[in-house]
Amino acid sequence: MSEQLPDRLSVNPESPFYDADVLARDIGIRFKGVEKTNVEEYCVSEGWVKVAAGNAKDRFGRPMTITLKGPVEPYIRGNAEG
């Protein structure tokens, strides 16, 4: 598999941007230069991440998310560059 990560990725299996093969790797997300561990979805080209909003759940039991805008840097943990 290439070292290039997708422009947009989601951890929700019902999303069209879900990719189990990519998520099986150890992926990290830097948002505004800070490591984020609660990212549900990201888009590099549009510059946003969706993060869990505390312990709140929607009516389907999925975490409620908020969208934050800024520079997004996905990387593969364990690489010399990341």
N, C-alpha and C. Protein backbone atom coordinates (compact mmCIF):
# COMPACT_ATOMS: atom_id res chain seq x y z
N MET A 1 0.84 -1.18 0.00
CA MET A 1 0.00 0.00 0.00
C MET A 1 0.88 1.24 0.00
N SER A 2 0.44 2.27 -0.69
CA SER A 2 1.24 3.49 -0.78
C SER A 2 1.22 4.25 0.54
N GLU A 3 2.17 5.15 0.69
CA GLU A 3 2.26 5.97 1.88
C GLU A 3 1.30 7.16 1.83
N GLN A 4 0.66 7.38 0.68
CA GLN A 4 -0.26 8.50 0.52
C GLN A 4 -1.60 8.18 1.17
N LEU A 5 -2.02 9.03 2.10
CA LEU A 5 -3.30 8.85 2.76
C LEU A 5 -4.38 9.59 1.98
N PRO A 6 -5.64 9.14 2.08
CA PRO A 6 -6.71 9.80 1.31
C PRO A 6 -6.97 11.22 1.79
N ASP A 7 -7.52 12.03 0.89
CA ASP A 7 -7.85 13.42 1.20
C ASP A 7 -8.94 13.48 2.27
N ARG A 8 -9.84 12.52 2.25
CA ARG A 8 -10.95 12.50 3.22
C ARG A 8 -11.13 11.08 3.72
N LEU A 9 -11.31 10.94 5.03
CA LEU A 9 -11.43 9.62 5.64
C LEU A 9 -12.36 9.70 6.84
N SER A 10 -13.17 8.65 7.03
CA SER A 10 -14.11 8.59 8.13
C SER A 10 -13.97 7.25 8.85
N VAL A 11 -14.24 7.24 10.16
CA VAL A 11 -14.22 6.00 10.93
C VAL A 11 -15.59 5.34 10.98
N ASN A 12 -16.62 6.01 10.43
CA ASN A 12 -17.98 5.48 10.42
C ASN A 12 -18.15 4.52 9.24
N PRO A 13 -18.43 3.22 9.49
CA PRO A 13 -18.57 2.25 8.39
C PRO A 13 -19.70 2.58 7.41
N GLU A 14 -20.66 3.41 7.81
CA GLU A 14 -21.77 3.77 6.92
C GLU A 14 -21.42 4.93 6.00
N SER A 15 -20.29 5.57 6.21
CA SER A 15 -19.87 6.71 5.41
C SER A 15 -19.25 6.25 4.08
N PRO A 16 -19.46 7.01 3.00
CA PRO A 16 -18.80 6.66 1.73
C PRO A 16 -17.29 6.90 1.78
N PHE A 17 -16.81 7.58 2.81
CA PHE A 17 -15.37 7.86 2.95
C PHE A 17 -14.68 6.89 3.91
N TYR A 18 -15.35 5.83 4.29
CA TYR A 18 -14.79 4.81 5.17
C TYR A 18 -13.91 3.88 4.35
N ASP A 19 -12.72 3.55 4.85
CA ASP A 19 -11.81 2.62 4.19
C ASP A 19 -11.13 1.78 5.26
N ALA A 20 -11.57 0.55 5.41
CA ALA A 20 -11.06 -0.33 6.46
C ALA A 20 -9.57 -0.62 6.30
N ASP A 21 -9.10 -0.75 5.06
CA ASP A 21 -7.68 -1.05 4.84
C ASP A 21 -6.79 0.09 5.33
N VAL A 22 -7.20 1.32 5.08
CA VAL A 22 -6.42 2.47 5.53
C VAL A 22 -6.50 2.59 7.05
N LEU A 23 -7.69 2.38 7.61
CA LEU A 23 -7.85 2.51 9.06
C LEU A 23 -7.13 1.42 9.84
N ALA A 24 -6.81 0.31 9.19
CA ALA A 24 -6.07 -0.77 9.85
C ALA A 24 -4.63 -0.34 10.17
N ARG A 25 -4.15 0.66 9.45
CA ARG A 25 -2.82 1.20 9.73
C ARG A 25 -2.91 2.14 10.91
N ASP A 26 -1.79 2.45 11.50
CA ASP A 26 -1.75 3.35 12.66
C ASP A 26 -1.67 4.78 12.14
N ILE A 27 -2.83 5.45 12.00
CA ILE A 27 -2.91 6.79 11.44
C ILE A 27 -3.04 7.81 12.55
N GLY A 28 -2.30 8.89 12.43
CA GLY A 28 -2.40 10.00 13.37
C GLY A 28 -2.88 11.24 12.63
N ILE A 29 -3.51 12.15 13.35
CA ILE A 29 -4.00 13.39 12.77
C ILE A 29 -3.45 14.56 13.58
N ARG A 30 -2.80 15.49 12.88
CA ARG A 30 -2.39 16.75 13.50
C ARG A 30 -3.34 17.82 13.00
N PHE A 31 -3.96 18.53 13.92
CA PHE A 31 -4.86 19.62 13.58
C PHE A 31 -4.32 20.88 14.23
N LYS A 32 -3.98 21.86 13.40
CA LYS A 32 -3.34 23.09 13.86
C LYS A 32 -2.07 22.79 14.65
N GLY A 33 -1.34 21.76 14.23
CA GLY A 33 -0.08 21.41 14.86
C GLY A 33 -0.20 20.59 16.12
N VAL A 34 -1.42 20.23 16.53
CA VAL A 34 -1.64 19.48 17.77
C VAL A 34 -2.20 18.10 17.43
N GLU A 35 -1.65 17.07 18.05
CA GLU A 35 -2.13 15.70 17.86
C GLU A 35 -3.55 15.56 18.41
N LYS A 36 -4.46 15.06 17.57
CA LYS A 36 -5.84 14.81 17.99
C LYS A 36 -6.09 13.31 17.98
N THR A 37 -6.71 12.81 19.04
CA THR A 37 -6.98 11.36 19.13
C THR A 37 -8.47 11.05 19.01
N ASN A 38 -9.33 12.07 18.95
CA ASN A 38 -10.77 11.82 18.90
C ASN A 38 -11.40 12.24 17.58
N VAL A 39 -10.65 12.18 16.49
CA VAL A 39 -11.15 12.59 15.18
C VAL A 39 -12.03 11.48 14.59
N GLU A 40 -13.25 11.86 14.21
CA GLU A 40 -14.19 10.93 13.58
C GLU A 40 -14.06 10.96 12.06
N GLU A 41 -13.75 12.12 11.50
CA GLU A 41 -13.62 12.29 10.06
C GLU A 41 -12.75 13.51 9.80
N TYR A 42 -12.03 13.49 8.67
CA TYR A 42 -11.22 14.66 8.30
C TYR A 42 -11.26 14.87 6.80
N CYS A 43 -10.95 16.09 6.38
CA CYS A 43 -10.80 16.43 4.97
C CYS A 43 -9.65 17.42 4.86
N VAL A 44 -8.58 17.02 4.20
CA VAL A 44 -7.38 17.85 4.08
C VAL A 44 -7.63 19.03 3.14
N SER A 45 -8.24 18.79 1.98
CA SER A 45 -8.41 19.85 0.98
C SER A 45 -9.35 20.95 1.46
N GLU A 46 -10.37 20.60 2.25
CA GLU A 46 -11.30 21.61 2.75
C GLU A 46 -10.87 22.16 4.11
N GLY A 47 -9.91 21.50 4.77
CA GLY A 47 -9.35 22.00 6.02
C GLY A 47 -10.28 21.91 7.21
N TRP A 48 -10.81 20.71 7.49
CA TRP A 48 -11.65 20.52 8.68
C TRP A 48 -11.52 19.12 9.23
N VAL A 49 -11.86 19.00 10.51
CA VAL A 49 -11.97 17.70 11.17
C VAL A 49 -13.28 17.68 11.94
N LYS A 50 -13.84 16.49 12.09
CA LYS A 50 -15.01 16.30 12.95
C LYS A 50 -14.53 15.52 14.16
N VAL A 51 -14.75 16.10 15.34
CA VAL A 51 -14.32 15.46 16.58
C VAL A 51 -15.52 15.19 17.46
N ALA A 52 -15.39 14.18 18.31
CA ALA A 52 -16.46 13.83 19.24
C ALA A 52 -16.69 14.98 20.21
N ALA A 53 -17.96 15.27 20.47
CA ALA A 53 -18.34 16.35 21.39
C ALA A 53 -18.65 15.75 22.76
N GLY A 54 -17.60 15.47 23.51
CA GLY A 54 -17.79 14.88 24.84
C GLY A 54 -18.37 13.48 24.76
N ASN A 55 -19.26 13.16 25.69
CA ASN A 55 -19.89 11.84 25.71
C ASN A 55 -21.28 11.85 25.08
N ALA A 56 -21.68 12.96 24.46
CA ALA A 56 -23.01 13.09 23.88
C ALA A 56 -23.18 12.11 22.71
N LYS A 57 -24.37 11.53 22.63
CA LYS A 57 -24.71 10.58 21.56
C LYS A 57 -25.94 11.09 20.81
N ASP A 58 -26.02 10.75 19.51
CA ASP A 58 -27.23 11.09 18.77
C ASP A 58 -28.27 10.00 18.99
N ARG A 59 -29.41 10.10 18.34
CA ARG A 59 -30.49 9.14 18.59
C ARG A 59 -30.18 7.74 18.09
N PHE A 60 -29.13 7.58 17.30
CA PHE A 60 -28.73 6.26 16.82
C PHE A 60 -27.58 5.68 17.64
N GLY A 61 -27.14 6.39 18.68
CA GLY A 61 -26.08 5.91 19.55
C GLY A 61 -24.68 6.26 19.08
N ARG A 62 -24.57 7.02 18.00
CA ARG A 62 -23.26 7.45 17.50
C ARG A 62 -22.83 8.71 18.23
N PRO A 63 -21.54 8.95 18.38
CA PRO A 63 -21.09 10.17 19.06
C PRO A 63 -21.50 11.42 18.29
N MET A 64 -21.92 12.44 19.02
CA MET A 64 -22.19 13.75 18.41
C MET A 64 -20.85 14.36 18.06
N THR A 65 -20.78 15.04 16.93
CA THR A 65 -19.52 15.62 16.49
C THR A 65 -19.67 17.12 16.25
N ILE A 66 -18.52 17.79 16.34
CA ILE A 66 -18.45 19.20 15.96
C ILE A 66 -17.36 19.32 14.91
N THR A 67 -17.54 20.26 14.01
CA THR A 67 -16.57 20.48 12.93
C THR A 67 -15.66 21.64 13.30
N LEU A 68 -14.36 21.39 13.24
CA LEU A 68 -13.35 22.41 13.51
C LEU A 68 -12.60 22.68 12.21
N LYS A 69 -12.36 23.95 11.91
CA LYS A 69 -11.67 24.32 10.67
C LYS A 69 -10.24 24.76 10.96
N GLY A 70 -9.34 24.33 10.09
CA GLY A 70 -7.93 24.67 10.21
C GLY A 70 -7.09 23.68 9.43
N PRO A 71 -5.77 23.82 9.45
CA PRO A 71 -4.89 22.92 8.71
C PRO A 71 -4.90 21.51 9.30
N VAL A 72 -5.06 20.51 8.43
CA VAL A 72 -5.14 19.09 8.82
C VAL A 72 -3.95 18.36 8.21
N GLU A 73 -3.24 17.58 9.03
CA GLU A 73 -2.09 16.81 8.56
C GLU A 73 -2.24 15.35 8.99
N PRO A 74 -2.75 14.47 8.12
CA PRO A 74 -2.77 13.05 8.47
C PRO A 74 -1.39 12.44 8.21
N TYR A 75 -1.02 11.48 9.02
CA TYR A 75 0.27 10.81 8.84
C TYR A 75 0.17 9.39 9.41
N ILE A 76 1.13 8.58 9.02
CA ILE A 76 1.20 7.21 9.51
C ILE A 76 2.18 7.21 10.67
N ARG A 77 1.71 6.83 11.85
CA ARG A 77 2.57 6.81 13.04
C ARG A 77 3.67 5.78 12.86
N GLY A 78 4.82 6.07 13.43
CA GLY A 78 5.94 5.14 13.35
C GLY A 78 6.87 5.44 12.19
N ASN A 79 6.44 6.28 11.25
CA ASN A 79 7.32 6.69 10.15
C ASN A 79 8.31 7.72 10.65
N ALA A 80 9.46 7.79 10.00
CA ALA A 80 10.46 8.78 10.36
C ALA A 80 9.95 10.20 10.13
N GLU A 81 9.07 10.37 9.11
CA GLU A 81 8.57 11.70 8.79
C GLU A 81 7.46 12.14 9.74
N GLY A 82 6.78 11.20 10.42
CA GLY A 82 5.62 11.55 11.25
C GLY A 82 5.91 11.62 12.66
